[in-house]
Amino acid sequence: MHAVRNSKLCTKDCLCLYVCPTGATDTETGQIDASKCIDGCRLCVDACPSNAISLMPETFPPQQEKTDAVKNALLSLSASKSKQEKIADIISKTADSPVLQQFAAALSKSNRLMTEDLLRESGYMLPQSQNVQDLIQSLLESSPKDDFPRDVALKLLTILKNNANNIKDDKEMNESKTQKNLMAAFTGESEANRKYLAYAKKAEKDGHLNAAKLFKTAADAETIHALKHFEVAGKVGATTENLKDAIAGETHEYSEMYPDFVKQAEADGNKAAVIGCTFAMKAEEVHARLYTEALETLDQTEEVFYYLCPVCGNIEKSVPGKCSICGVPGTKFIKY
C-alpha cells in the first residue's frame, strides 16, 4: 500500500516533506512518487495535520451493490449538498463580514466532503467501479482532445479489469477452500459423534456412568456441529433430492464398497470383520430399497412405522419373527 495525497485537503504544512525517508513526498506535481514510496511506511500519513495523505491499496475490493432506491437517495442528497456548497462558496467570496466569509468557506468545504462521500457510496467515485471503467472507455472512444493520454487510459483500464478478475478468482478460490473445510469439519464431527457413542457404551459396561453420560452429551454436541457444517456447505436439498442421494450412497455401499471389504477381510482371516461387513452390506441393500419406496410414495400421508435391528442395522416395516440378516428375535427390534 503506497501513500497518495489529496491536494484539495492539503493545507501546505508540509510536515510530510521532513518525515519521508526517501523523498517520495517532495514532487513538483504534488503527487507522491509511488516508485520511491515505501510500502506500508505511513510516516507521512501520521504526520499530515489535515489528513490529506492516505494509503492506497494495490487492488480494490469489488464495488458494493446497492439497490436503485438507495442509489437514487444518495444521488439526490449529493445534488442537494453540491448546491449548498456552491451557495456557501459564493457567500465566502462576496460577504462583507470576515467572520461570515470564514464560516461560509468552512461550510462550503464541509458540503464538498459530504458530496464526495455520497457520490463515492453510490459508486461514482470508486476507482474500481464499473462507472469509472465506463467513463474511461467512453473517453477512449470519443478522444475529446489531441493531447488526451490514450496510452495511460488504456493501461489504467487494463489494470482495473485485471484487478476485478483477480478479486473474482480469489473469492472463488477462497469459497472453494471454505467448502472443503466445511466438509472436512463435517466428517470430523460425524466421526467424533460415533466414536463418543462407542466410548459411552464401553463406559456403561465398565460401570463408569458419569463418564458415559459425558460421552453421550459430547456426542450430541458433535452432532449439532456436524449438522450445521453440512447445512452451511449447501448439502441439504429438497427431500426428493435428499432421497435420491441416499439411494445412490446406499447402492454404492452394498454393490461396490462392502463386497471388496468382505473379500479383503476373508483374505486376512478376520472373521469378525467378515461378519460385520456382511451384515452392513445386506442392511444397506434394504436401506436403498426403502429409500426408493419412500421416494415413490413421497406424497403419501398415511403414517408408516419402521423397526430397526439393534445388531446389524436391518430395517423392517413391521415386526419380524426374527431378523432376516442376523437372526435376532423380532422382539428386540426398535420402533420408529
C-alpha atoms as a PDB file:
ATOM      1  CA  MET A   1       0.000   0.000   0.000  1.00  0.00           C
ATOM      2  CA  HIS A   2       1.510   3.304  -1.152  1.00  0.00           C
ATOM      3  CA  ALA A   3       0.719   6.826   0.041  1.00  0.00           C
ATOM      4  CA  VAL A   4      -1.348   9.273  -2.020  1.00  0.00           C
ATOM      5  CA  ARG A   5      -2.046  12.952  -1.382  1.00  0.00           C
ATOM      6  CA  ASN A   6      -5.429  14.653  -1.822  1.00  0.00           C
ATOM      7  CA  SER A   7      -4.350  18.115  -2.943  1.00  0.00           C
ATOM      8  CA  LYS A   8      -7.779  19.567  -2.108  1.00  0.00           C
ATOM      9  CA  LEU A   9      -7.286  18.701   1.559  1.00  0.00           C
ATOM     10  CA  CYS A  10      -3.616  19.675   1.709  1.00  0.00           C
ATOM     11  CA  THR A  11      -3.027  22.790   3.862  1.00  0.00           C
ATOM     12  CA  LYS A  12       0.653  23.127   2.834  1.00  0.00           C
ATOM     13  CA  ASP A  13       2.001  22.498   6.319  1.00  0.00           C
ATOM     14  CA  CYS A  14       4.490  20.199   4.583  1.00  0.00           C
ATOM     15  CA  LEU A  15       5.406  18.067   7.584  1.00  0.00           C
ATOM     16  CA  CYS A  16       5.306  15.133   5.200  1.00  0.00           C
ATOM     17  CA  LEU A  17       8.377  16.509   3.399  1.00  0.00           C
ATOM     18  CA  TYR A  18      10.516  16.146   6.508  1.00  0.00           C
ATOM     19  CA  VAL A  19       9.486  12.697   7.701  1.00  0.00           C
ATOM     20  CA  CYS A  20       9.668  10.793   4.392  1.00  0.00           C
ATOM     21  CA  PRO A  21      12.926   8.794   4.417  1.00  0.00           C
ATOM     22  CA  THR A  22      13.082   8.519   0.603  1.00  0.00           C
ATOM     23  CA  GLY A  23      11.859  11.940  -0.539  1.00  0.00           C
ATOM     24  CA  ALA A  24       8.784  10.432  -2.213  1.00  0.00           C
ATOM     25  CA  THR A  25       6.567  13.245  -0.889  1.00  0.00           C
ATOM     26  CA  ASP A  26       8.649  16.073  -2.417  1.00  0.00           C
ATOM     27  CA  THR A  27       7.461  16.283  -6.025  1.00  0.00           C
ATOM     28  CA  GLU A  28       6.629  19.142  -8.394  1.00  0.00           C
ATOM     29  CA  THR A  29       3.238  17.665  -9.230  1.00  0.00           C
ATOM     30  CA  GLY A  30       2.112  17.409  -5.628  1.00  0.00           C
ATOM     31  CA  GLN A  31       1.550  13.696  -6.070  1.00  0.00           C
ATOM     32  CA  ILE A  32       3.629  11.258  -4.019  1.00  0.00           C
ATOM     33  CA  ASP A  33       6.187   9.345  -6.074  1.00  0.00           C
ATOM     34  CA  ALA A  34       4.976   5.734  -5.858  1.00  0.00           C
ATOM     35  CA  SER A  35       8.307   4.409  -7.141  1.00  0.00           C
ATOM     36  CA  LYS A  36      10.069   5.827  -4.062  1.00  0.00           C
ATOM     37  CA  CYS A  37       7.287   5.267  -1.518  1.00  0.00           C
ATOM     38  CA  ILE A  38       7.993   2.505   0.996  1.00  0.00           C
ATOM     39  CA  ASP A  39       5.118   0.024   1.094  1.00  0.00           C
ATOM     40  CA  GLY A  40       3.128   0.459   4.319  1.00  0.00           C
ATOM     41  CA  CYS A  41       5.507   3.058   5.845  1.00  0.00           C
ATOM     42  CA  ARG A  42       2.726   5.599   6.713  1.00  0.00           C
ATOM     43  CA  LEU A  43       5.127   8.149   8.300  1.00  0.00           C
ATOM     44  CA  CYS A  44       3.677  10.879   6.069  1.00  0.00           C
ATOM     45  CA  VAL A  45       0.132   9.687   6.776  1.00  0.00           C
ATOM     46  CA  ASP A  46       0.588  10.051  10.521  1.00  0.00           C
ATOM     47  CA  ALA A  47       2.404  13.392  10.199  1.00  0.00           C
ATOM     48  CA  CYS A  48      -0.129  15.160   7.960  1.00  0.00           C
ATOM     49  CA  PRO A  49      -2.234  17.563  10.105  1.00  0.00           C
ATOM     50  CA  SER A  50      -5.002  17.880   7.504  1.00  0.00           C
ATOM     51  CA  ASN A  51      -5.479  14.168   6.807  1.00  0.00           C
ATOM     52  CA  ALA A  52      -4.661  14.839   3.162  1.00  0.00           C
ATOM     53  CA  ILE A  53      -2.492  11.707   2.843  1.00  0.00           C
ATOM     54  CA  SER A  54      -3.713   8.137   2.982  1.00  0.00           C
ATOM     55  CA  LEU A  55      -2.518   4.690   1.974  1.00  0.00           C
ATOM     56  CA  MET A  56      -3.836   3.304  -1.300  1.00  0.00           C
ATOM     57  CA  PRO A  57      -4.108  -0.482  -1.729  1.00  0.00           C
ATOM     58  CA  GLU A  58      -2.663  -2.101  -4.839  1.00  0.00           C
ATOM     59  CA  THR A  59      -6.037  -3.720  -5.579  1.00  0.00           C
ATOM     60  CA  PHE A  60      -9.513  -2.628  -4.560  1.00  0.00           C
ATOM     61  CA  PRO A  61     -12.398  -4.701  -3.249  1.00  0.00           C
ATOM     62  CA  PRO A  62     -15.356  -5.091  -5.603  1.00  0.00           C
ATOM     63  CA  GLN A  63     -17.944  -2.346  -5.665  1.00  0.00           C
ATOM     64  CA  GLN A  64     -20.695  -2.917  -3.144  1.00  0.00           C
ATOM     65  CA  GLU A  65     -24.006  -3.500  -4.847  1.00  0.00           C
ATOM     66  CA  LYS A  66     -26.863  -1.194  -3.880  1.00  0.00           C
ATOM     67  CA  THR A  67     -30.497  -1.126  -4.864  1.00  0.00           C
ATOM     68  CA  ASP A  68     -31.783   1.570  -7.225  1.00  0.00           C
ATOM     69  CA  ALA A  69     -33.740   3.126  -4.355  1.00  0.00           C
ATOM     70  CA  VAL A  70     -30.589   3.537  -2.258  1.00  0.00           C
ATOM     71  CA  LYS A  71     -28.549   4.904  -5.186  1.00  0.00           C
ATOM     72  CA  ASN A  72     -31.282   7.391  -6.094  1.00  0.00           C
ATOM     73  CA  ALA A  73     -31.469   8.599  -2.489  1.00  0.00           C
ATOM     74  CA  LEU A  74     -27.670   9.035  -2.334  1.00  0.00           C
ATOM     75  CA  LEU A  75     -27.576  10.905  -5.653  1.00  0.00           C
ATOM     76  CA  SER A  76     -30.451  13.164  -4.618  1.00  0.00           C
ATOM     77  CA  LEU A  77     -28.735  14.028  -1.348  1.00  0.00           C
ATOM     78  CA  SER A  78     -25.394  14.611  -3.079  1.00  0.00           C
ATOM     79  CA  ALA A  79     -27.067  17.018  -5.507  1.00  0.00           C
ATOM     80  CA  SER A  80     -28.504  18.951  -2.567  1.00  0.00           C
ATOM     81  CA  LYS A  81     -25.110  19.108  -0.827  1.00  0.00           C
ATOM     82  CA  SER A  82     -23.443  20.232  -4.054  1.00  0.00           C
ATOM     83  CA  LYS A  83     -25.954  23.055  -4.386  1.00  0.00           C
ATOM     84  CA  GLN A  84     -25.306  24.120  -0.780  1.00  0.00           C
ATOM     85  CA  GLU A  85     -21.569  24.066  -1.471  1.00  0.00           C
ATOM     86  CA  LYS A  86     -21.948  26.473  -4.401  1.00  0.00           C
ATOM     87  CA  ILE A  87     -24.124  28.853  -2.378  1.00  0.00           C
ATOM     88  CA  ALA A  88     -21.678  28.841   0.536  1.00  0.00           C
ATOM     89  CA  ASP A  89     -18.779  29.385  -1.858  1.00  0.00           C
ATOM     90  CA  ILE A  90     -20.449  32.483  -3.312  1.00  0.00           C
ATOM     91  CA  ILE A  91     -21.111  33.867   0.175  1.00  0.00           C
ATOM     92  CA  SER A  92     -17.497  33.285   1.222  1.00  0.00           C
ATOM     93  CA  LYS A  93     -16.345  35.428  -1.725  1.00  0.00           C
ATOM     94  CA  THR A  94     -18.942  38.217  -1.536  1.00  0.00           C
ATOM     95  CA  ALA A  95     -19.784  38.698   2.148  1.00  0.00           C
ATOM     96  CA  ASP A  96     -18.601  41.888   3.867  1.00  0.00           C
ATOM     97  CA  SER A  97     -18.043  40.236   7.236  1.00  0.00           C
ATOM     98  CA  PRO A  98     -14.734  38.339   7.629  1.00  0.00           C
ATOM     99  CA  VAL A  99     -16.383  36.035  10.128  1.00  0.00           C
ATOM    100  CA  LEU A 100     -19.179  35.224   7.701  1.00  0.00           C
ATOM    101  CA  GLN A 101     -16.614  34.653   4.948  1.00  0.00           C
ATOM    102  CA  GLN A 102     -14.722  32.139   7.115  1.00  0.00           C
ATOM    103  CA  PHE A 103     -17.899  30.364   8.174  1.00  0.00           C
ATOM    104  CA  ALA A 104     -19.174  30.139   4.589  1.00  0.00           C
ATOM    105  CA  ALA A 105     -15.794  28.813   3.389  1.00  0.00           C
ATOM    106  CA  ALA A 106     -15.860  26.130   6.056  1.00  0.00           C
ATOM    107  CA  LEU A 107     -19.458  25.284   5.187  1.00  0.00           C
ATOM    108  CA  SER A 108     -18.561  25.040   1.500  1.00  0.00           C
ATOM    109  CA  LYS A 109     -15.701  22.640   2.221  1.00  0.00           C
ATOM    110  CA  SER A 110     -17.889  20.584   4.563  1.00  0.00           C
ATOM    111  CA  ASN A 111     -20.568  20.178   1.895  1.00  0.00           C
ATOM    112  CA  ARG A 112     -17.938  19.248  -0.696  1.00  0.00           C
ATOM    113  CA  LEU A 113     -16.624  16.461   1.536  1.00  0.00           C
ATOM    114  CA  MET A 114     -20.144  15.172   2.160  1.00  0.00           C
ATOM    115  CA  THR A 115     -20.935  15.309  -1.567  1.00  0.00           C
ATOM    116  CA  GLU A 116     -17.822  13.296  -2.388  1.00  0.00           C
ATOM    117  CA  ASP A 117     -18.667  10.675   0.228  1.00  0.00           C
ATOM    118  CA  LEU A 118     -22.238  10.363  -1.018  1.00  0.00           C
ATOM    119  CA  LEU A 119     -21.106  10.004  -4.628  1.00  0.00           C
ATOM    120  CA  ARG A 120     -18.458   7.513  -3.598  1.00  0.00           C
ATOM    121  CA  GLU A 121     -21.024   5.414  -1.759  1.00  0.00           C
ATOM    122  CA  SER A 122     -23.336   5.491  -4.781  1.00  0.00           C
ATOM    123  CA  GLY A 123     -20.492   4.044  -6.864  1.00  0.00           C
ATOM    124  CA  TYR A 124     -19.490   7.039  -8.998  1.00  0.00           C
ATOM    125  CA  MET A 125     -16.106   7.880  -7.486  1.00  0.00           C
ATOM    126  CA  LEU A 126     -14.660   4.456  -6.780  1.00  0.00           C
ATOM    127  CA  PRO A 127     -11.603   3.744  -8.971  1.00  0.00           C
ATOM    128  CA  GLN A 128     -12.645   0.106  -9.280  1.00  0.00           C
ATOM    129  CA  SER A 129     -16.306   0.786 -10.048  1.00  0.00           C
ATOM    130  CA  GLN A 130     -17.869  -0.111 -13.357  1.00  0.00           C
ATOM    131  CA  ASN A 131     -18.928   3.534 -13.668  1.00  0.00           C
ATOM    132  CA  VAL A 132     -15.291   4.649 -13.783  1.00  0.00           C
ATOM    133  CA  GLN A 133     -14.400   1.947 -16.299  1.00  0.00           C
ATOM    134  CA  ASP A 134     -17.324   3.001 -18.491  1.00  0.00           C
ATOM    135  CA  LEU A 135     -16.164   6.627 -18.298  1.00  0.00           C
ATOM    136  CA  ILE A 136     -12.605   5.738 -19.324  1.00  0.00           C
ATOM    137  CA  GLN A 137     -13.912   3.610 -22.175  1.00  0.00           C
ATOM    138  CA  SER A 138     -16.136   6.447 -23.417  1.00  0.00           C
ATOM    139  CA  LEU A 139     -13.176   8.860 -23.344  1.00  0.00           C
ATOM    140  CA  LEU A 140     -11.089   6.415 -25.340  1.00  0.00           C
ATOM    141  CA  GLU A 141     -13.817   6.100 -27.936  1.00  0.00           C
ATOM    142  CA  SER A 142     -14.537   9.841 -28.219  1.00  0.00           C
ATOM    143  CA  SER A 143     -10.922  11.128 -27.845  1.00  0.00           C
ATOM    144  CA  PRO A 144     -12.011  14.606 -26.609  1.00  0.00           C
ATOM    145  CA  LYS A 145      -8.602  16.270 -27.249  1.00  0.00           C
ATOM    146  CA  ASP A 146      -5.489  15.550 -29.234  1.00  0.00           C
ATOM    147  CA  ASP A 147      -3.367  15.545 -26.086  1.00  0.00           C
ATOM    148  CA  PHE A 148      -5.633  13.007 -24.338  1.00  0.00           C
ATOM    149  CA  PRO A 149      -3.309  10.345 -22.813  1.00  0.00           C
ATOM    150  CA  ARG A 150      -4.748   7.305 -24.572  1.00  0.00           C
ATOM    151  CA  ASP A 151      -1.870   5.020 -23.537  1.00  0.00           C
ATOM    152  CA  VAL A 152      -2.351   5.911 -19.874  1.00  0.00           C
ATOM    153  CA  ALA A 153      -6.110   5.423 -20.112  1.00  0.00           C
ATOM    154  CA  LEU A 154      -5.692   2.026 -21.777  1.00  0.00           C
ATOM    155  CA  LYS A 155      -3.191   0.936 -19.139  1.00  0.00           C
ATOM    156  CA  LEU A 156      -5.475   2.092 -16.313  1.00  0.00           C
ATOM    157  CA  LEU A 157      -8.465   0.316 -17.824  1.00  0.00           C
ATOM    158  CA  THR A 158      -6.444  -2.897 -18.172  1.00  0.00           C
ATOM    159  CA  ILE A 159      -5.296  -2.680 -14.541  1.00  0.00           C
ATOM    160  CA  LEU A 160      -8.835  -2.131 -13.264  1.00  0.00           C
ATOM    161  CA  LYS A 161     -10.191  -5.078 -15.279  1.00  0.00           C
ATOM    162  CA  ASN A 162      -7.337  -7.348 -14.177  1.00  0.00           C
ATOM    163  CA  ASN A 163      -7.888  -6.354 -10.554  1.00  0.00           C
ATOM    164  CA  ALA A 164     -11.586  -7.192 -10.873  1.00  0.00           C
ATOM    165  CA  ASN A 165     -10.797 -10.583 -12.398  1.00  0.00           C
ATOM    166  CA  ASN A 166      -8.181 -11.352  -9.742  1.00  0.00           C
ATOM    167  CA  ILE A 167     -10.612 -10.461  -6.972  1.00  0.00           C
ATOM    168  CA  LYS A 168     -13.228 -12.732  -8.542  1.00  0.00           C
ATOM    169  CA  ASP A 169     -10.712 -15.576  -8.862  1.00  0.00           C
ATOM    170  CA  ASP A 170      -9.514 -15.115  -5.262  1.00  0.00           C
ATOM    171  CA  LYS A 171     -13.088 -15.058  -3.998  1.00  0.00           C
ATOM    172  CA  GLU A 172     -13.960 -18.252  -5.870  1.00  0.00           C
ATOM    173  CA  MET A 173     -10.791 -19.932  -4.631  1.00  0.00           C
ATOM    174  CA  ASN A 174     -11.487 -18.915  -1.023  1.00  0.00           C
ATOM    175  CA  GLU A 175     -15.086 -20.106  -1.315  1.00  0.00           C
ATOM    176  CA  SER A 176     -13.787 -23.428  -2.638  1.00  0.00           C
ATOM    177  CA  LYS A 177     -11.391 -23.710   0.316  1.00  0.00           C
ATOM    178  CA  THR A 178     -14.184 -22.886   2.752  1.00  0.00           C
ATOM    179  CA  GLN A 179     -16.391 -25.538   1.142  1.00  0.00           C
ATOM    180  CA  LYS A 180     -13.647 -28.142   1.576  1.00  0.00           C
ATOM    181  CA  ASN A 181     -13.095 -27.007   5.168  1.00  0.00           C
ATOM    182  CA  LEU A 182     -16.800 -27.330   5.956  1.00  0.00           C
ATOM    183  CA  MET A 183     -16.951 -30.864   4.566  1.00  0.00           C
ATOM    184  CA  ALA A 184     -13.745 -31.827   6.407  1.00  0.00           C
ATOM    185  CA  ALA A 185     -15.254 -30.445   9.615  1.00  0.00           C
ATOM    186  CA  PHE A 186     -18.482 -32.354   8.930  1.00  0.00           C
ATOM    187  CA  THR A 187     -16.533 -35.595   8.519  1.00  0.00           C
ATOM    188  CA  GLY A 188     -14.536 -34.985  11.694  1.00  0.00           C
ATOM    189  CA  GLU A 189     -17.564 -34.071  13.811  1.00  0.00           C
ATOM    190  CA  SER A 190     -19.550 -37.048  12.468  1.00  0.00           C
ATOM    191  CA  GLU A 191     -16.688 -39.403  13.299  1.00  0.00           C
ATOM    192  CA  ALA A 192     -16.384 -37.893  16.773  1.00  0.00           C
ATOM    193  CA  ASN A 193     -20.112 -38.452  17.370  1.00  0.00           C
ATOM    194  CA  ARG A 194     -19.893 -42.178  16.549  1.00  0.00           C
ATOM    195  CA  LYS A 195     -16.636 -42.546  18.457  1.00  0.00           C
ATOM    196  CA  TYR A 196     -18.022 -40.949  21.618  1.00  0.00           C
ATOM    197  CA  LEU A 197     -21.129 -43.139  21.494  1.00  0.00           C
ATOM    198  CA  ALA A 198     -18.891 -46.197  21.320  1.00  0.00           C
ATOM    199  CA  TYR A 199     -16.914 -44.846  24.267  1.00  0.00           C
ATOM    200  CA  ALA A 200     -20.158 -44.227  26.194  1.00  0.00           C
ATOM    201  CA  LYS A 201     -21.278 -47.802  25.601  1.00  0.00           C
ATOM    202  CA  LYS A 202     -17.961 -49.087  26.912  1.00  0.00           C
ATOM    203  CA  ALA A 203     -18.063 -46.763  29.933  1.00  0.00           C
ATOM    204  CA  GLU A 204     -21.557 -48.041  30.842  1.00  0.00           C
ATOM    205  CA  LYS A 205     -20.355 -51.615  30.567  1.00  0.00           C
ATOM    206  CA  ASP A 206     -17.421 -50.778  32.871  1.00  0.00           C
ATOM    207  CA  GLY A 207     -19.758 -49.112  35.391  1.00  0.00           C
ATOM    208  CA  HIS A 208     -18.482 -45.558  34.828  1.00  0.00           C
ATOM    209  CA  LEU A 209     -21.873 -43.892  34.477  1.00  0.00           C
ATOM    210  CA  ASN A 210     -20.677 -40.271  34.748  1.00  0.00           C
ATOM    211  CA  ALA A 211     -18.104 -40.810  32.026  1.00  0.00           C
ATOM    212  CA  ALA A 212     -20.773 -42.490  29.898  1.00  0.00           C
ATOM    213  CA  LYS A 213     -23.078 -39.522  30.387  1.00  0.00           C
ATOM    214  CA  LEU A 214     -20.327 -37.088  29.380  1.00  0.00           C
ATOM    215  CA  PHE A 215     -19.533 -39.103  26.242  1.00  0.00           C
ATOM    216  CA  LYS A 216     -23.211 -39.105  25.251  1.00  0.00           C
ATOM    217  CA  THR A 217     -23.519 -35.360  25.837  1.00  0.00           C
ATOM    218  CA  ALA A 218     -20.388 -34.651  23.813  1.00  0.00           C
ATOM    219  CA  ALA A 219     -21.656 -36.947  21.051  1.00  0.00           C
ATOM    220  CA  ASP A 220     -24.832 -34.881  20.784  1.00  0.00           C
ATOM    221  CA  ALA A 221     -22.741 -31.699  20.737  1.00  0.00           C
ATOM    222  CA  GLU A 222     -20.678 -33.019  17.840  1.00  0.00           C
ATOM    223  CA  THR A 223     -23.918 -33.860  16.027  1.00  0.00           C
ATOM    224  CA  ILE A 224     -25.009 -30.216  16.361  1.00  0.00           C
ATOM    225  CA  HIS A 225     -21.712 -29.101  14.841  1.00  0.00           C
ATOM    226  CA  ALA A 226     -21.835 -31.668  12.040  1.00  0.00           C
ATOM    227  CA  LEU A 227     -25.398 -30.798  11.035  1.00  0.00           C
ATOM    228  CA  LYS A 228     -24.630 -27.070  10.934  1.00  0.00           C
ATOM    229  CA  HIS A 229     -21.483 -27.570   8.820  1.00  0.00           C
ATOM    230  CA  PHE A 230     -23.384 -29.814   6.406  1.00  0.00           C
ATOM    231  CA  GLU A 231     -26.202 -27.285   6.090  1.00  0.00           C
ATOM    232  CA  VAL A 232     -23.898 -24.285   5.575  1.00  0.00           C
ATOM    233  CA  ALA A 233     -21.994 -26.269   2.935  1.00  0.00           C
ATOM    234  CA  GLY A 234     -25.257 -26.411   0.982  1.00  0.00           C
ATOM    235  CA  LYS A 235     -25.563 -30.188   1.114  1.00  0.00           C
ATOM    236  CA  VAL A 236     -29.159 -30.312   2.364  1.00  0.00           C
ATOM    237  CA  GLY A 237     -31.528 -30.068  -0.589  1.00  0.00           C
ATOM    238  CA  ALA A 238     -35.198 -30.802  -1.190  1.00  0.00           C
ATOM    239  CA  THR A 239     -36.472 -34.101   0.229  1.00  0.00           C
ATOM    240  CA  THR A 240     -36.693 -35.582  -3.278  1.00  0.00           C
ATOM    241  CA  GLU A 241     -33.048 -34.800  -3.946  1.00  0.00           C
ATOM    242  CA  ASN A 242     -32.024 -35.993  -0.484  1.00  0.00           C
ATOM    243  CA  LEU A 243     -33.742 -39.354  -1.071  1.00  0.00           C
ATOM    244  CA  LYS A 244     -32.023 -39.749  -4.432  1.00  0.00           C
ATOM    245  CA  ASP A 245     -28.676 -39.006  -2.802  1.00  0.00           C
ATOM    246  CA  ALA A 246     -29.392 -41.545  -0.063  1.00  0.00           C
ATOM    247  CA  ILE A 247     -30.301 -44.205  -2.643  1.00  0.00           C
ATOM    248  CA  ALA A 248     -27.071 -43.565  -4.536  1.00  0.00           C
ATOM    249  CA  GLY A 249     -24.999 -43.750  -1.364  1.00  0.00           C
ATOM    250  CA  GLU A 250     -26.567 -46.962  -0.059  1.00  0.00           C
ATOM    251  CA  THR A 251     -26.379 -48.596  -3.507  1.00  0.00           C
ATOM    252  CA  HIS A 252     -22.671 -47.790  -3.786  1.00  0.00           C
ATOM    253  CA  GLU A 253     -22.031 -49.274  -0.352  1.00  0.00           C
ATOM    254  CA  TYR A 254     -23.820 -52.600  -0.855  1.00  0.00           C
ATOM    255  CA  SER A 255     -22.829 -53.105  -4.514  1.00  0.00           C
ATOM    256  CA  GLU A 256     -19.261 -51.788  -4.636  1.00  0.00           C
ATOM    257  CA  MET A 257     -17.739 -50.879  -1.297  1.00  0.00           C
ATOM    258  CA  TYR A 258     -18.676 -53.694   1.094  1.00  0.00           C
ATOM    259  CA  PRO A 259     -18.104 -56.605  -1.341  1.00  0.00           C
ATOM    260  CA  ASP A 260     -14.450 -55.572  -1.611  1.00  0.00           C
ATOM    261  CA  PHE A 261     -14.234 -55.131   2.153  1.00  0.00           C
ATOM    262  CA  VAL A 262     -15.644 -58.627   2.737  1.00  0.00           C
ATOM    263  CA  LYS A 263     -13.162 -60.172   0.292  1.00  0.00           C
ATOM    264  CA  GLN A 264     -10.248 -58.404   1.966  1.00  0.00           C
ATOM    265  CA  ALA A 265     -11.409 -59.465   5.451  1.00  0.00           C
ATOM    266  CA  GLU A 266     -11.750 -63.072   4.261  1.00  0.00           C
ATOM    267  CA  ALA A 267      -8.244 -62.937   2.778  1.00  0.00           C
ATOM    268  CA  ASP A 268      -6.917 -61.587   6.065  1.00  0.00           C
ATOM    269  CA  GLY A 269      -8.772 -64.258   8.058  1.00  0.00           C
ATOM    270  CA  ASN A 270     -10.573 -61.627  10.150  1.00  0.00           C
ATOM    271  CA  LYS A 271     -13.890 -63.375  10.871  1.00  0.00           C
ATOM    272  CA  ALA A 272     -15.326 -60.509  12.947  1.00  0.00           C
ATOM    273  CA  ALA A 273     -14.713 -58.060  10.095  1.00  0.00           C
ATOM    274  CA  VAL A 274     -16.260 -60.521   7.620  1.00  0.00           C
ATOM    275  CA  ILE A 275     -19.429 -60.790   9.716  1.00  0.00           C
ATOM    276  CA  GLY A 276     -19.676 -57.045  10.401  1.00  0.00           C
ATOM    277  CA  CYS A 277     -19.145 -56.025   6.762  1.00  0.00           C
ATOM    278  CA  THR A 278     -21.531 -58.733   5.509  1.00  0.00           C
ATOM    279  CA  PHE A 279     -24.281 -57.614   7.888  1.00  0.00           C
ATOM    280  CA  ALA A 280     -23.748 -53.975   6.845  1.00  0.00           C
ATOM    281  CA  MET A 281     -23.713 -54.868   3.126  1.00  0.00           C
ATOM    282  CA  LYS A 282     -27.063 -56.688   3.358  1.00  0.00           C
ATOM    283  CA  ALA A 283     -28.600 -53.963   5.525  1.00  0.00           C
ATOM    284  CA  GLU A 284     -27.512 -51.211   3.119  1.00  0.00           C
ATOM    285  CA  GLU A 285     -29.330 -53.012   0.298  1.00  0.00           C
ATOM    286  CA  VAL A 286     -32.505 -52.967   2.410  1.00  0.00           C
ATOM    287  CA  HIS A 287     -31.957 -49.249   3.119  1.00  0.00           C
ATOM    288  CA  ALA A 288     -31.653 -48.489  -0.606  1.00  0.00           C
ATOM    289  CA  ARG A 289     -34.901 -50.336  -1.295  1.00  0.00           C
ATOM    290  CA  LEU A 290     -36.743 -48.498   1.494  1.00  0.00           C
ATOM    291  CA  TYR A 291     -35.454 -45.124   0.318  1.00  0.00           C
ATOM    292  CA  THR A 292     -36.673 -45.953  -3.198  1.00  0.00           C
ATOM    293  CA  GLU A 293     -40.116 -46.828  -1.849  1.00  0.00           C
ATOM    294  CA  ALA A 294     -40.185 -43.581   0.142  1.00  0.00           C
ATOM    295  CA  LEU A 295     -39.316 -41.589  -2.978  1.00  0.00           C
ATOM    296  CA  GLU A 296     -42.095 -43.268  -4.968  1.00  0.00           C
ATOM    297  CA  THR A 297     -44.699 -42.658  -2.226  1.00  0.00           C
ATOM    298  CA  LEU A 298     -43.448 -39.277  -1.019  1.00  0.00           C
ATOM    299  CA  ASP A 299     -46.895 -37.661  -1.110  1.00  0.00           C
ATOM    300  CA  GLN A 300     -48.468 -40.464   0.932  1.00  0.00           C
ATOM    301  CA  THR A 301     -49.969 -39.111   4.165  1.00  0.00           C
ATOM    302  CA  GLU A 302     -50.638 -42.398   5.962  1.00  0.00           C
ATOM    303  CA  GLU A 303     -48.104 -42.850   8.771  1.00  0.00           C
ATOM    304  CA  VAL A 304     -45.505 -45.595   8.338  1.00  0.00           C
ATOM    305  CA  PHE A 305     -43.550 -47.213  11.184  1.00  0.00           C
ATOM    306  CA  TYR A 306     -40.059 -48.634  10.854  1.00  0.00           C
ATOM    307  CA  TYR A 307     -38.398 -51.240  13.048  1.00  0.00           C
ATOM    308  CA  LEU A 308     -34.617 -51.331  13.489  1.00  0.00           C
ATOM    309  CA  CYS A 309     -32.488 -54.357  14.294  1.00  0.00           C
ATOM    310  CA  PRO A 310     -30.065 -53.277  17.054  1.00  0.00           C
ATOM    311  CA  VAL A 311     -27.417 -55.764  15.950  1.00  0.00           C
ATOM    312  CA  CYS A 312     -26.992 -55.498  12.168  1.00  0.00           C
ATOM    313  CA  GLY A 313     -28.910 -52.330  11.254  1.00  0.00           C
ATOM    314  CA  ASN A 314     -31.584 -54.080   9.239  1.00  0.00           C
ATOM    315  CA  ILE A 315     -34.854 -52.116   8.904  1.00  0.00           C
ATOM    316  CA  GLU A 316     -38.354 -53.612   8.542  1.00  0.00           C
ATOM    317  CA  LYS A 317     -41.763 -52.015   8.121  1.00  0.00           C
ATOM    318  CA  SER A 318     -43.315 -54.498  10.548  1.00  0.00           C
ATOM    319  CA  VAL A 319     -42.002 -56.589  13.448  1.00  0.00           C
ATOM    320  CA  PRO A 320     -40.491 -59.805  12.046  1.00  0.00           C
ATOM    321  CA  GLY A 321     -40.298 -63.146  13.828  1.00  0.00           C
ATOM    322  CA  LYS A 322     -36.554 -62.739  13.602  1.00  0.00           C
ATOM    323  CA  CYS A 323     -34.106 -60.594  11.681  1.00  0.00           C
ATOM    324  CA  SER A 324     -33.672 -61.829   8.120  1.00  0.00           C
ATOM    325  CA  ILE A 325     -29.996 -60.854   8.193  1.00  0.00           C
ATOM    326  CA  CYS A 326     -28.594 -61.709  11.618  1.00  0.00           C
ATOM    327  CA  GLY A 327     -31.373 -63.817  13.181  1.00  0.00           C
ATOM    328  CA  VAL A 328     -32.043 -61.578  16.200  1.00  0.00           C
ATOM    329  CA  PRO A 329     -35.584 -62.093  17.611  1.00  0.00           C
ATOM    330  CA  GLY A 330     -38.119 -59.525  16.373  1.00  0.00           C
ATOM    331  CA  THR A 331     -38.914 -58.576  19.964  1.00  0.00           C
ATOM    332  CA  LYS A 332     -35.501 -56.855  20.094  1.00  0.00           C
ATOM    333  CA  PHE A 333     -36.309 -54.526  17.202  1.00  0.00           C
ATOM    334  CA  ILE A 334     -36.624 -50.793  17.981  1.00  0.00           C
ATOM    335  CA  LYS A 335     -39.746 -48.974  16.736  1.00  0.00           C
ATOM    336  CA  TYR A 336     -39.529 -45.639  14.907  1.00  0.00           C
END
